[in-house]
Protein backbone atom coordinates (compact mmCIF):
# COMPACT_ATOMS: atom_id res chain seq x y z
CA MET A 1 0.00 0.00 0.00
CA GLU A 2 2.90 2.34 0.74
CA GLY A 3 4.15 1.86 -2.84
CA ALA A 4 0.80 3.04 -4.19
CA ASN A 5 1.05 6.15 -1.99
CA HIS A 6 4.53 6.91 -3.37
CA PHE A 7 3.20 6.40 -6.89
CA ASP A 8 0.32 8.83 -6.28
CA GLN A 9 2.69 11.38 -4.72
CA THR A 10 5.01 11.07 -7.71
CA ILE A 11 2.23 11.50 -10.27
CA ASN A 12 0.72 14.47 -8.42
CA LEU A 13 4.06 16.20 -7.96
CA GLY A 14 5.02 15.52 -11.59
CA GLN A 15 1.76 17.05 -12.79
CA LYS A 16 2.29 20.08 -10.54
CA ILE A 17 5.82 20.62 -11.88
CA VAL A 18 4.56 20.28 -15.48
CA LYS A 19 1.81 22.81 -14.75
CA ASP A 20 4.17 25.24 -12.99
CA LEU A 21 6.53 25.10 -15.98
CA ASP A 22 3.61 25.75 -18.40
CA LEU A 23 4.23 22.47 -20.19
CA GLU A 24 0.64 21.15 -19.98
CA GLU A 25 -0.31 22.15 -23.53
CA SER A 26 3.22 21.82 -24.86
CA CYS A 27 4.53 19.18 -27.27
CA ASP A 28 7.75 19.07 -25.23
CA THR A 29 7.62 15.40 -24.29
CA LEU A 30 11.20 15.40 -23.03
CA GLY A 31 10.51 18.36 -20.74
CA LYS A 32 7.42 16.66 -19.33
CA TRP A 33 9.32 13.41 -18.84
CA MET A 34 12.15 15.25 -17.06
CA ALA A 35 9.61 16.96 -14.77
CA HIS A 36 8.08 13.61 -13.81
CA TYR A 37 11.52 12.04 -13.36
CA LEU A 38 12.45 14.90 -11.03
CA ALA A 39 9.21 14.31 -9.11
CA GLU A 40 10.07 10.62 -8.78
CA LYS A 41 13.48 11.46 -7.32
CA ILE A 42 12.05 14.09 -4.95
CA VAL A 43 9.51 11.60 -3.56
CA ALA A 44 12.24 8.96 -3.23
CA CYS A 45 14.44 11.46 -1.37
CA ASN A 46 11.63 12.42 1.01
CA CYS A 47 10.85 8.76 1.74
CA GLU A 48 14.45 7.59 2.16
CA GLN A 49 15.55 6.73 5.70
CA ASN A 50 19.29 6.26 5.10
CA GLU A 51 21.06 9.65 5.23
CA ASP A 52 23.83 8.67 2.79
CA THR A 53 21.33 7.46 0.23
CA LYS A 54 19.16 10.51 0.85
CA ASN A 55 22.12 12.81 0.19
CA LYS A 56 22.95 10.93 -3.02
CA ILE A 57 19.36 11.24 -4.26
CA HIS A 58 19.36 14.92 -3.30
CA GLU A 59 22.42 15.48 -5.49
CA GLU A 60 20.66 13.66 -8.33
CA CYS A 61 17.68 15.99 -7.86
CA LYS A 62 19.91 19.04 -8.18
CA LYS A 63 21.45 17.66 -11.38
CA ILE A 64 18.08 16.78 -12.91
CA SER A 65 16.70 20.20 -11.96
CA SER A 66 19.68 21.90 -13.61
CA ASP A 67 19.34 19.73 -16.72
CA LEU A 68 15.62 20.55 -16.92
CA ALA A 69 16.33 24.27 -16.61
CA ASP A 70 18.92 24.00 -19.39
CA HIS A 71 16.45 22.09 -21.54
CA LEU A 72 13.79 24.78 -21.09
CA LYS A 73 16.14 27.66 -21.86
CA PRO A 74 15.37 29.22 -25.22
CA PRO A 75 18.10 28.67 -27.78
CA GLU A 76 20.69 31.40 -28.01
CA ILE A 77 20.18 33.52 -31.08
CA LYS A 78 23.29 35.15 -32.44
CA SER A 79 22.83 38.69 -33.60
CA TYR A 80 24.64 39.61 -36.78
CA HIS A 81 23.48 43.21 -36.58
CA ASN A 82 26.94 44.62 -35.80
CA GLU A 83 28.62 42.45 -38.44
CA LEU A 84 26.50 43.58 -41.37
CA PRO A 85 27.98 46.16 -43.74
CA LYS A 86 26.49 49.61 -43.55
CA ILE A 87 24.36 50.40 -46.55
CA SER A 88 23.54 53.92 -47.62
CA VAL A 89 20.19 54.36 -49.26
CA LYS A 90 19.07 57.51 -51.06
CA PHE A 91 15.44 58.07 -51.69
CA ILE A 92 14.55 60.15 -54.70
CA VAL A 93 11.21 61.84 -54.49
CA ALA A 94 9.60 62.55 -57.82
CA ASP A 95 7.47 65.64 -58.13
């Protein structure tokens, strides 16, 4: 029965993380999966009795959280504005 409780906690937390990251309507399957994986590790950490194991899982949570944040970062767009040659344009107005 305790396993079912952990499962429910994991699903609920995963859904909350997905919602908080605005991924509910997204096609970002990897982002959703990472959110649920993070939830699974958080629940495991909270339920763990052994301090060494708990610390190890906590470190995994930090890594997964960082990876998820990196995944959600928009791609860097290089600006070529300063590298473009300057072009002079003259407008001739006809009367």
